[in-house]
Amino acid sequence: MNYDLWEYETNNRIGVFETLEDALAFVRELLAENGSEYAEFLSLGSEDNNGWPGLIAEGLTLASLAGDR
């Protein structure tokens, strides 16, 4: 399973991670560098081994999940 981090403003995938913990750590880094408002532009999803996508969290929910409130 892969975890994909997307930025809505540019519509680009800005990271691919093997673990949820790695993805959330990167989100924390981004929010520390850019401010917590930046979370509004972020979306974290996953793709299972069969290629099926799924949304984990976005925006403020993602910030909260990452531990940056």
Protein backbone atom coordinates (compact mmCIF):
# COMPACT_ATOMS: atom_id res chain seq x y z
CA MET A 1 0.00 0.00 0.00
CA ASN A 2 1.23 3.49 -0.86
CA TYR A 3 0.21 6.80 0.69
CA ASP A 4 -0.02 9.78 -1.66
CA LEU A 5 0.03 13.40 -0.53
CA TRP A 6 -1.58 15.89 -2.90
CA GLU A 7 -1.66 19.66 -2.99
CA TYR A 8 -4.92 21.12 -4.28
CA GLU A 9 -3.52 24.52 -5.22
CA THR A 10 -1.14 23.07 -7.82
CA ASN A 11 -2.97 19.76 -8.29
CA ASN A 12 0.33 17.92 -7.87
CA ARG A 13 1.29 14.85 -5.94
CA ILE A 14 3.98 16.11 -3.57
CA GLY A 15 4.90 12.86 -1.88
CA VAL A 16 4.56 9.09 -1.99
CA PHE A 17 5.17 7.14 1.21
CA GLU A 18 5.32 3.48 2.16
CA THR A 19 3.86 4.04 5.63
CA LEU A 20 1.17 6.25 7.08
CA GLU A 21 3.60 7.35 9.79
CA ASP A 22 6.07 8.64 7.19
CA ALA A 23 3.31 10.51 5.35
CA LEU A 24 2.05 12.16 8.55
CA ALA A 25 5.59 13.11 9.57
CA PHE A 26 6.02 14.87 6.22
CA VAL A 27 2.69 16.67 6.70
CA ARG A 28 3.93 17.90 10.09
CA GLU A 29 7.11 19.20 8.44
CA LEU A 30 5.13 21.02 5.75
CA LEU A 31 2.83 22.62 8.29
CA ALA A 32 5.77 23.67 10.47
CA GLU A 33 7.40 25.35 7.45
CA ASN A 34 4.28 26.87 5.87
CA GLY A 35 1.88 27.40 8.77
CA SER A 36 -1.15 25.39 9.77
CA GLU A 37 -3.32 27.18 7.17
CA TYR A 38 -1.41 25.25 4.50
CA ALA A 39 -3.36 22.15 5.53
CA GLU A 40 -6.32 23.51 3.57
CA PHE A 41 -4.42 22.66 0.38
CA LEU A 42 -3.45 19.11 1.35
CA SER A 43 -5.05 15.73 0.84
CA LEU A 44 -3.73 12.33 1.87
CA GLY A 45 -4.93 9.21 0.16
CA SER A 46 -3.89 5.63 -0.20
CA GLU A 47 -3.80 3.08 -2.95
CA ASP A 48 -4.18 -0.55 -2.01
CA ASN A 49 -2.31 -3.42 -3.63
CA ASN A 50 -5.04 -3.72 -6.26
CA GLY A 51 -4.73 -0.07 -7.27
CA TRP A 52 -7.92 1.12 -5.59
CA PRO A 53 -7.63 4.70 -4.28
CA GLY A 54 -9.09 5.96 -1.05
CA LEU A 55 -9.12 9.25 0.86
CA ILE A 56 -7.61 9.18 4.35
CA ALA A 57 -7.98 12.86 5.30
CA GLU A 58 -7.71 16.38 3.95
CA GLY A 59 -7.50 19.92 5.25
CA LEU A 60 -7.86 20.50 8.97
CA THR A 61 -8.74 16.85 9.54
CA LEU A 62 -5.38 15.89 8.04
CA ALA A 63 -3.61 18.45 10.23
CA SER A 64 -5.30 17.01 13.28
CA LEU A 65 -4.41 13.45 12.26
CA ALA A 66 -0.80 14.51 11.80
CA GLY A 67 -0.79 16.06 15.25
CA ASP A 68 -0.66 19.70 14.18
CA ARG A 69 -3.78 21.48 15.38
